[in-house]
C-alpha atoms as a PDB file:
ATOM      1  CA  MET A   1      23.622  12.523  -3.677  1.00  0.00           C
ATOM      2  CA  ILE A   2      19.840  13.004  -3.537  1.00  0.00           C
ATOM      3  CA  ASP A   3      18.388  14.524  -6.675  1.00  0.00           C
ATOM      4  CA  LEU A   4      15.705  16.733  -5.170  1.00  0.00           C
ATOM      5  CA  ASN A   5      13.240  18.496  -7.360  1.00  0.00           C
ATOM      6  CA  LEU A   6       9.523  19.504  -7.087  1.00  0.00           C
ATOM      7  CA  ASN A   7       8.274  16.450  -9.005  1.00  0.00           C
ATOM      8  CA  HIS A   8       9.893  14.144  -6.524  1.00  0.00           C
ATOM      9  CA  LEU A   9       8.249  15.964  -3.612  1.00  0.00           C
ATOM     10  CA  PHE A  10       4.898  15.670  -5.296  1.00  0.00           C
ATOM     11  CA  ILE A  11       5.501  11.920  -5.769  1.00  0.00           C
ATOM     12  CA  VAL A  12       6.386  11.516  -2.068  1.00  0.00           C
ATOM     13  CA  PHE A  13       3.118  13.371  -1.174  1.00  0.00           C
ATOM     14  CA  GLN A  14       1.235  11.232  -3.570  1.00  0.00           C
ATOM     15  CA  LEU A  15       2.546   8.044  -2.132  1.00  0.00           C
ATOM     16  CA  ILE A  16       1.608   9.202   1.405  1.00  0.00           C
ATOM     17  CA  ILE A  17      -1.945   9.812   0.368  1.00  0.00           C
ATOM     18  CA  LEU A  18      -2.233   6.480  -1.574  1.00  0.00           C
ATOM     19  CA  GLU A  19      -0.731   4.647   1.394  1.00  0.00           C
ATOM     20  CA  GLY A  20      -3.328   6.136   3.688  1.00  0.00           C
ATOM     21  CA  LEU A  21      -6.253   5.463   1.368  1.00  0.00           C
ATOM     22  CA  LEU A  22      -5.141   1.883   0.614  1.00  0.00           C
ATOM     23  CA  SER A  23      -4.130   0.891   4.105  1.00  0.00           C
ATOM     24  CA  PHE A  24      -6.136   2.776   6.660  1.00  0.00           C
ATOM     25  CA  ASP A  25      -8.499  -0.175   7.292  1.00  0.00           C
ATOM     26  CA  ASN A  26      -5.421  -2.544   7.520  1.00  0.00           C
ATOM     27  CA  ALA A  27      -4.135  -0.485  10.401  1.00  0.00           C
ATOM     28  CA  LEU A  28      -7.495  -1.034  12.215  1.00  0.00           C
ATOM     29  CA  ALA A  29      -7.178  -4.763  11.571  1.00  0.00           C
ATOM     30  CA  LEU A  30      -3.666  -4.733  13.144  1.00  0.00           C
ATOM     31  CA  ALA A  31      -4.884  -2.834  16.102  1.00  0.00           C
ATOM     32  CA  ALA A  32      -7.815  -5.159  16.512  1.00  0.00           C
ATOM     33  CA  LEU A  33      -5.521  -8.184  16.428  1.00  0.00           C
ATOM     34  CA  VAL A  34      -3.261  -6.768  19.086  1.00  0.00           C
ATOM     35  CA  LYS A  35      -6.144  -5.648  21.257  1.00  0.00           C
ATOM     36  CA  LYS A  36      -7.592  -9.249  21.053  1.00  0.00           C
ATOM     37  CA  LYS A  37      -4.356 -11.062  21.809  1.00  0.00           C
ATOM     38  CA  LEU A  38      -2.880  -8.782  24.427  1.00  0.00           C
ATOM     39  CA  LYS A  39      -4.739  -7.368  27.405  1.00  0.00           C
ATOM     40  CA  GLU A  40      -2.173  -4.800  28.749  1.00  0.00           C
ATOM     41  CA  PRO A  41      -2.077  -1.447  26.856  1.00  0.00           C
ATOM     42  CA  GLU A  42       1.689  -1.262  27.269  1.00  0.00           C
ATOM     43  CA  GLN A  43       2.149  -4.657  25.601  1.00  0.00           C
ATOM     44  CA  GLN A  44      -0.217  -3.656  22.861  1.00  0.00           C
ATOM     45  CA  LYS A  45       1.862  -0.643  21.966  1.00  0.00           C
ATOM     46  CA  LYS A  46       5.077  -2.570  22.070  1.00  0.00           C
ATOM     47  CA  ALA A  47       3.726  -5.354  19.860  1.00  0.00           C
ATOM     48  CA  LEU A  48       2.525  -2.908  17.220  1.00  0.00           C
ATOM     49  CA  LEU A  49       5.800  -0.946  17.366  1.00  0.00           C
ATOM     50  CA  LEU A  50       8.042  -4.021  17.071  1.00  0.00           C
ATOM     51  CA  GLY A  51       5.856  -5.523  14.278  1.00  0.00           C
ATOM     52  CA  ILE A  52       5.791  -2.277  12.295  1.00  0.00           C
ATOM     53  CA  TRP A  53       9.558  -1.805  12.581  1.00  0.00           C
ATOM     54  CA  GLY A  54      10.068  -5.202  11.146  1.00  0.00           C
ATOM     55  CA  ALA A  55       7.690  -4.365   8.308  1.00  0.00           C
ATOM     56  CA  TYR A  56       9.637  -1.154   7.708  1.00  0.00           C
ATOM     57  CA  LEU A  57      12.840  -3.123   7.165  1.00  0.00           C
ATOM     58  CA  PHE A  58      10.995  -5.530   4.883  1.00  0.00           C
ATOM     59  CA  ARG A  59       9.689  -2.656   2.818  1.00  0.00           C
ATOM     60  CA  ILE A  60      13.144  -0.995   2.400  1.00  0.00           C
ATOM     61  CA  GLY A  61      14.566  -4.266   1.228  1.00  0.00           C
ATOM     62  CA  ILE A  62      11.705  -4.973  -1.186  1.00  0.00           C
ATOM     63  CA  ILE A  63      11.921  -1.449  -2.635  1.00  0.00           C
ATOM     64  CA  PHE A  64      15.594  -1.911  -3.428  1.00  0.00           C
ATOM     65  CA  ILE A  65      14.961  -5.303  -4.985  1.00  0.00           C
ATOM     66  CA  GLY A  66      11.843  -3.994  -6.778  1.00  0.00           C
ATOM     67  CA  VAL A  67      13.638  -1.087  -8.453  1.00  0.00           C
ATOM     68  CA  TRP A  68      16.194  -3.508  -9.733  1.00  0.00           C
ATOM     69  CA  LEU A  69      13.574  -5.995 -10.908  1.00  0.00           C
ATOM     70  CA  MET A  70      11.507  -3.330 -12.663  1.00  0.00           C
ATOM     71  CA  LYS A  71      14.433  -2.949 -15.187  1.00  0.00           C
ATOM     72  CA  TYR A  72      13.230  -6.347 -16.687  1.00  0.00           C
ATOM     73  CA  GLU A  73      10.519  -5.937 -19.215  1.00  0.00           C
ATOM     74  CA  TRP A  74       8.622  -9.123 -18.014  1.00  0.00           C
ATOM     75  CA  VAL A  75       8.510  -7.744 -14.493  1.00  0.00           C
ATOM     76  CA  LYS A  76       7.005  -4.552 -15.757  1.00  0.00           C
ATOM     77  CA  ALA A  77       4.369  -6.568 -17.692  1.00  0.00           C
ATOM     78  CA  ILE A  78       3.491  -8.651 -14.622  1.00  0.00           C
ATOM     79  CA  ALA A  79       3.367  -5.664 -12.348  1.00  0.00           C
ATOM     80  CA  GLY A  80       1.192  -3.612 -14.739  1.00  0.00           C
ATOM     81  CA  LEU A  81      -1.193  -6.482 -15.246  1.00  0.00           C
ATOM     82  CA  TYR A  82      -1.443  -7.119 -11.568  1.00  0.00           C
ATOM     83  CA  LEU A  83      -2.292  -3.508 -10.826  1.00  0.00           C
ATOM     84  CA  LEU A  84      -4.882  -3.464 -13.547  1.00  0.00           C
ATOM     85  CA  TYR A  85      -6.370  -6.677 -12.117  1.00  0.00           C
ATOM     86  CA  LEU A  86      -6.365  -5.221  -8.603  1.00  0.00           C
ATOM     87  CA  SER A  87      -8.022  -2.047  -9.836  1.00  0.00           C
ATOM     88  CA  CYS A  88     -10.764  -3.887 -11.840  1.00  0.00           C
ATOM     89  CA  HIS A  89     -11.380  -6.344  -9.037  1.00  0.00           C
ATOM     90  CA  GLU A  90     -11.859  -3.717  -6.340  1.00  0.00           C
ATOM     91  CA  LEU A  91     -13.837  -1.350  -8.562  1.00  0.00           C
ATOM     92  CA  PHE A  92     -16.236  -3.930 -10.202  1.00  0.00           C
ATOM     93  CA  PHE A  93     -16.166  -7.274  -8.515  1.00  0.00           C
ATOM     94  CA  HIS A  94     -15.101  -6.747  -4.860  1.00  0.00           C
ATOM     95  CA  LYS A  95     -17.838  -7.454  -2.256  1.00  0.00           C
ATOM     96  CA  GLU A  96     -17.804  -5.310   0.930  1.00  0.00           C
ATOM     97  CA  THR A  97     -16.527  -7.420   3.769  1.00  0.00           C
ATOM     98  CA  THR A  98     -15.148  -6.677   7.216  1.00  0.00           C
ATOM     99  CA  HIS A  99     -11.704  -7.763   8.245  1.00  0.00           C
ATOM    100  CA  GLU A 100     -11.585 -11.079   9.930  1.00  0.00           C
ATOM    101  CA  ILE A 101      -8.843 -11.441  12.518  1.00  0.00           C
ATOM    102  CA  SER A 102      -7.568 -14.915  12.207  1.00  0.00           C
ATOM    103  CA  THR A 103      -4.457 -16.718  13.440  1.00  0.00           C
ATOM    104  CA  SER A 104      -2.502 -18.846  11.060  1.00  0.00           C
ATOM    105  CA  ASN A 105      -1.725 -22.370  12.322  1.00  0.00           C
ATOM    106  CA  ASN A 106       1.831 -21.886  10.874  1.00  0.00           C
ATOM    107  CA  ILE A 107       2.367 -18.799  13.014  1.00  0.00           C
ATOM    108  CA  GLU A 108       1.041 -20.618  16.076  1.00  0.00           C
ATOM    109  CA  LYS A 109       3.527 -23.489  15.455  1.00  0.00           C
ATOM    110  CA  ILE A 110       6.569 -21.260  15.453  1.00  0.00           C
ATOM    111  CA  VAL A 111       9.179 -22.876  17.739  1.00  0.00           C
ATOM    112  CA  ILE A 112      10.189 -20.758  20.691  1.00  0.00           C
ATOM    113  CA  PRO A 113      12.633 -22.087  23.265  1.00  0.00           C
ATOM    114  CA  LYS A 114      11.003 -23.657  26.352  1.00  0.00           C
ATOM    115  CA  SER A 115      13.102 -21.524  28.649  1.00  0.00           C
ATOM    116  CA  ILE A 116      11.023 -18.483  27.712  1.00  0.00           C
ATOM    117  CA  ASN A 117       8.027 -18.170  30.008  1.00  0.00           C
ATOM    118  CA  THR A 118       4.458 -18.337  28.658  1.00  0.00           C
ATOM    119  CA  SER A 119       3.676 -14.580  28.745  1.00  0.00           C
ATOM    120  CA  VAL A 120       6.858 -13.654  26.826  1.00  0.00           C
ATOM    121  CA  LYS A 121       6.220 -16.512  24.347  1.00  0.00           C
ATOM    122  CA  HIS A 122       2.679 -15.257  23.765  1.00  0.00           C
ATOM    123  CA  PHE A 123       4.004 -11.721  23.171  1.00  0.00           C
ATOM    124  CA  ILE A 124       6.589 -12.845  20.679  1.00  0.00           C
ATOM    125  CA  LEU A 125       3.905 -14.763  18.752  1.00  0.00           C
ATOM    126  CA  VAL A 126       1.738 -11.654  18.621  1.00  0.00           C
ATOM    127  CA  VAL A 127       4.630  -9.569  17.386  1.00  0.00           C
ATOM    128  CA  VAL A 128       5.323 -12.113  14.681  1.00  0.00           C
ATOM    129  CA  GLN A 129       1.598 -12.130  13.634  1.00  0.00           C
ATOM    130  CA  VAL A 130       1.537  -8.288  13.441  1.00  0.00           C
ATOM    131  CA  GLU A 131       4.714  -8.339  11.302  1.00  0.00           C
ATOM    132  CA  ILE A 132       3.406 -10.954   8.854  1.00  0.00           C
ATOM    133  CA  MET A 133       0.031  -9.376   8.610  1.00  0.00           C
ATOM    134  CA  ASP A 134       1.653  -5.988   7.943  1.00  0.00           C
ATOM    135  CA  ILE A 135       3.863  -7.454   5.254  1.00  0.00           C
ATOM    136  CA  MET A 136       0.882  -9.047   3.524  1.00  0.00           C
ATOM    137  CA  PHE A 137      -0.936  -5.773   3.616  1.00  0.00           C
ATOM    138  CA  SER A 138       2.127  -3.988   2.111  1.00  0.00           C
ATOM    139  CA  ILE A 139       2.263  -5.949  -1.154  1.00  0.00           C
ATOM    140  CA  ASP A 140      -0.306  -3.773  -2.985  1.00  0.00           C
ATOM    141  CA  SER A 141       1.222  -0.488  -1.743  1.00  0.00           C
ATOM    142  CA  ILE A 142       4.718  -1.493  -2.744  1.00  0.00           C
ATOM    143  CA  ALA A 143       3.562  -2.483  -6.241  1.00  0.00           C
ATOM    144  CA  VAL A 144       1.737   0.813  -6.688  1.00  0.00           C
ATOM    145  CA  ALA A 145       4.851   2.750  -5.451  1.00  0.00           C
ATOM    146  CA  LEU A 146       7.188   0.971  -7.929  1.00  0.00           C
ATOM    147  CA  ALA A 147       4.746   1.715 -10.790  1.00  0.00           C
ATOM    148  CA  ILE A 148       4.902   5.461  -9.907  1.00  0.00           C
ATOM    149  CA  SER A 149       8.664   6.044  -9.504  1.00  0.00           C
ATOM    150  CA  ASP A 150      12.007   4.241  -9.638  1.00  0.00           C
ATOM    151  CA  VAL A 151      13.893   6.731  -7.382  1.00  0.00           C
ATOM    152  CA  LYS A 152      14.854   4.799  -4.277  1.00  0.00           C
ATOM    153  CA  TRP A 153      14.844   7.687  -1.782  1.00  0.00           C
ATOM    154  CA  VAL A 154      11.409   8.919  -3.086  1.00  0.00           C
ATOM    155  CA  LEU A 155       9.916   5.414  -2.798  1.00  0.00           C
ATOM    156  CA  ILE A 156      11.359   4.783   0.720  1.00  0.00           C
ATOM    157  CA  SER A 157      10.346   8.326   1.968  1.00  0.00           C
ATOM    158  CA  GLY A 158       6.855   7.945   0.630  1.00  0.00           C
ATOM    159  CA  ALA A 159       6.334   4.423   2.006  1.00  0.00           C
ATOM    160  CA  LEU A 160       7.806   4.986   5.400  1.00  0.00           C
ATOM    161  CA  LEU A 161       6.154   8.362   5.912  1.00  0.00           C
ATOM    162  CA  GLY A 162       2.917   6.983   4.540  1.00  0.00           C
ATOM    163  CA  VAL A 163       2.893   3.992   6.993  1.00  0.00           C
ATOM    164  CA  LEU A 164       3.880   6.195   9.948  1.00  0.00           C
ATOM    165  CA  LEU A 165       1.294   8.857   9.259  1.00  0.00           C
ATOM    166  CA  MET A 166      -1.345   6.156   8.454  1.00  0.00           C
ATOM    167  CA  ARG A 167      -0.696   4.610  11.903  1.00  0.00           C
ATOM    168  CA  ILE A 168      -0.853   7.833  13.683  1.00  0.00           C
ATOM    169  CA  ALA A 169      -3.802   9.246  11.765  1.00  0.00           C
ATOM    170  CA  ALA A 170      -5.896   6.183  11.094  1.00  0.00           C
ATOM    171  CA  GLN A 171      -8.932   7.992  12.595  1.00  0.00           C
ATOM    172  CA  PHE A 172      -8.285  10.916  10.251  1.00  0.00           C
ATOM    173  CA  PHE A 173      -8.515   8.630   7.158  1.00  0.00           C
ATOM    174  CA  ILE A 174     -11.605   6.970   8.565  1.00  0.00           C
ATOM    175  CA  LYS A 175     -13.324  10.376   8.909  1.00  0.00           C
ATOM    176  CA  LEU A 176     -12.052  11.487   5.482  1.00  0.00           C
ATOM    177  CA  ILE A 177     -13.529   8.413   3.859  1.00  0.00           C
ATOM    178  CA  GLU A 178     -16.765   8.803   5.801  1.00  0.00           C
ATOM    179  CA  LYS A 179     -17.041  12.364   4.509  1.00  0.00           C
ATOM    180  CA  PHE A 180     -15.900  11.412   1.000  1.00  0.00           C
ATOM    181  CA  PRO A 181     -16.837   7.728   0.387  1.00  0.00           C
ATOM    182  CA  ILE A 182     -15.778   7.981  -3.168  1.00  0.00           C
ATOM    183  CA  LEU A 183     -12.116   7.989  -2.062  1.00  0.00           C
ATOM    184  CA  GLU A 184     -12.228   4.285  -1.540  1.00  0.00           C
ATOM    185  CA  LYS A 185     -12.973   3.728  -5.256  1.00  0.00           C
ATOM    186  CA  THR A 186     -10.742   6.594  -6.326  1.00  0.00           C
ATOM    187  CA  ALA A 187      -7.655   4.952  -4.832  1.00  0.00           C
ATOM    188  CA  PHE A 188      -8.127   1.976  -7.097  1.00  0.00           C
ATOM    189  CA  VAL A 189      -8.808   4.143 -10.167  1.00  0.00           C
ATOM    190  CA  LEU A 190      -5.297   5.648  -9.435  1.00  0.00           C
ATOM    191  CA  VAL A 191      -3.887   2.158  -9.010  1.00  0.00           C
ATOM    192  CA  GLY A 192      -5.338   1.275 -12.436  1.00  0.00           C
ATOM    193  CA  ILE A 193      -3.737   4.294 -14.065  1.00  0.00           C
ATOM    194  CA  ALA A 194      -0.373   3.344 -12.466  1.00  0.00           C
ATOM    195  CA  GLY A 195      -0.749  -0.064 -13.984  1.00  0.00           C
ATOM    196  CA  ILE A 196      -1.479   1.283 -17.410  1.00  0.00           C
ATOM    197  CA  ASN A 197       1.512   3.504 -17.221  1.00  0.00           C
ATOM    198  CA  VAL A 198       3.753   0.598 -16.303  1.00  0.00           C
ATOM    199  CA  ILE A 199       2.516  -1.392 -19.342  1.00  0.00           C
ATOM    200  CA  LEU A 200       3.130   1.647 -21.550  1.00  0.00           C
ATOM    201  CA  LYS A 201       6.761   1.556 -20.483  1.00  0.00           C
ATOM    202  CA  ILE A 202       7.302  -1.942 -21.925  1.00  0.00           C
ATOM    203  CA  LYS A 203      10.111  -2.106 -24.447  1.00  0.00           C
ATOM    204  CA  ASP A 204      11.332  -5.230 -26.327  1.00  0.00           C
ATOM    205  CA  LEU A 205       9.390  -7.754 -24.198  1.00  0.00           C
ATOM    206  CA  ASN A 206      10.245 -11.232 -25.515  1.00  0.00           C
ATOM    207  CA  LEU A 207       6.906 -13.081 -26.096  1.00  0.00           C
ATOM    208  CA  GLY A 208       8.700 -16.119 -27.435  1.00  0.00           C
ATOM    209  CA  PHE A 209       7.388 -15.711 -30.934  1.00  0.00           C
ATOM    210  CA  SER A 210       7.955 -11.945 -31.261  1.00  0.00           C
ATOM    211  CA  TYR A 211       8.904  -8.894 -29.323  1.00  0.00           C
ATOM    212  CA  LEU A 212       6.422  -6.319 -27.835  1.00  0.00           C
ATOM    213  CA  THR A 213       7.440  -2.703 -27.719  1.00  0.00           C
ATOM    214  CA  ILE A 214       5.142   0.091 -26.640  1.00  0.00           C
ATOM    215  CA  ASP A 215       7.566   2.567 -24.947  1.00  0.00           C
ATOM    216  CA  LYS A 216       5.124   5.392 -24.755  1.00  0.00           C
ATOM    217  CA  PRO A 217       4.730   6.097 -21.025  1.00  0.00           C
ATOM    218  CA  ILE A 218       2.743   9.138 -19.833  1.00  0.00           C
ATOM    219  CA  PRO A 219       5.217  11.989 -19.286  1.00  0.00           C
ATOM    220  CA  GLU A 220       5.973  12.361 -15.553  1.00  0.00           C
ATOM    221  CA  ASN A 221       4.575  15.923 -15.306  1.00  0.00           C
ATOM    222  CA  ILE A 222       1.276  14.988 -17.002  1.00  0.00           C
ATOM    223  CA  PHE A 223       1.045  11.722 -15.044  1.00  0.00           C
ATOM    224  CA  LEU A 224       1.272  13.621 -11.717  1.00  0.00           C
ATOM    225  CA  LEU A 225      -1.142  16.232 -12.837  1.00  0.00           C
ATOM    226  CA  LEU A 226      -3.594  13.523 -13.982  1.00  0.00           C
ATOM    227  CA  MET A 227      -3.396  11.759 -10.644  1.00  0.00           C
ATOM    228  CA  VAL A 228      -3.952  14.995  -8.629  1.00  0.00           C
ATOM    229  CA  PHE A 229      -6.782  16.038 -10.989  1.00  0.00           C
ATOM    230  CA  ILE A 230      -8.640  12.720 -10.452  1.00  0.00           C
ATOM    231  CA  LEU A 231      -8.146  12.912  -6.735  1.00  0.00           C
ATOM    232  CA  LEU A 232      -9.450  16.488  -6.440  1.00  0.00           C
ATOM    233  CA  GLY A 233     -12.121  15.820  -9.043  1.00  0.00           C
ATOM    234  CA  SER A 234     -13.490  12.888  -7.039  1.00  0.00           C
ATOM    235  CA  LEU A 235     -13.661  15.024  -3.900  1.00  0.00           C
ATOM    236  CA  PHE A 236     -15.548  17.697  -5.791  1.00  0.00           C
ATOM    237  CA  PHE A 237     -17.908  15.176  -7.475  1.00  0.00           C
ATOM    238  CA  ASN A 238     -18.575  13.500  -4.017  1.00  0.00           C
ATOM    239  CA  LYS A 239     -19.317  16.775  -2.376  1.00  0.00           C
ATOM    240  CA  THR A 240     -21.628  17.928  -5.168  1.00  0.00           C
ATOM    241  CA  TYR A 241     -23.375  14.551  -5.357  1.00  0.00           C
ATOM    242  CA  VAL A 242     -24.039  14.391  -1.613  1.00  0.00           C
ATOM    243  CA  LYS A 243     -25.343  17.959  -1.636  1.00  0.00           C
ATOM    244  CA  LYS A 244     -27.760  17.161  -4.371  1.00  0.00           C
ATOM    245  CA  ASN A 245     -29.045  14.086  -2.657  1.00  0.00           C
ATOM    246  CA  HIS A 246     -29.687  15.973   0.515  1.00  0.00           C
ATOM    247  CA  LYS A 247     -31.761  18.699  -1.038  1.00  0.00           C
END
């Protein structure tokens, strides 16, 4: 039975927003890949659809495995440190670059029966590329989701709705970030906080020479309020800052 409460709905909404902010440019990269490789609009739509459905199945599997793995203290430590690294790297060391659409030699060498004609073979290769690229782009989002909640239906709902809405509303997220550029950095501030909270959950982590116990996670209600406050605060700051600079 699904345990439905207001906090869970807030978490789903939060996951949708984070998915959009972290992945909107990845959707554009996938679209660019398909447009470059396939000329017919109908084939482009089919390739994206098939690739994304494959990624959906991958995400569901990873979420179930991830919830189980997060019960182990060393997994929590690695996940928390990874999110902190990701946050610091994107906030302080990342250089702005554009997505490069490249084709992996390994993907191109996938064996497809000779009986399949060239056009179908090419289409299958593009679908595989879309799926692999989407899976690669999903790693950060899945790590953040597992840091925020361990309720399976919440994680699956947030991830799947987030990806679906992000695909449909990619242009909306582009316009939103154009209007509020600070959101790009804010997303990784939230990632960092999620990482800290995972580390605060560590209990009896075997270090070999001793055990590390923190076991003081941020209470769920406060954690959600903090995330919402930072998001809304960044929008207000961005709007005020832009106004001042245009006077």
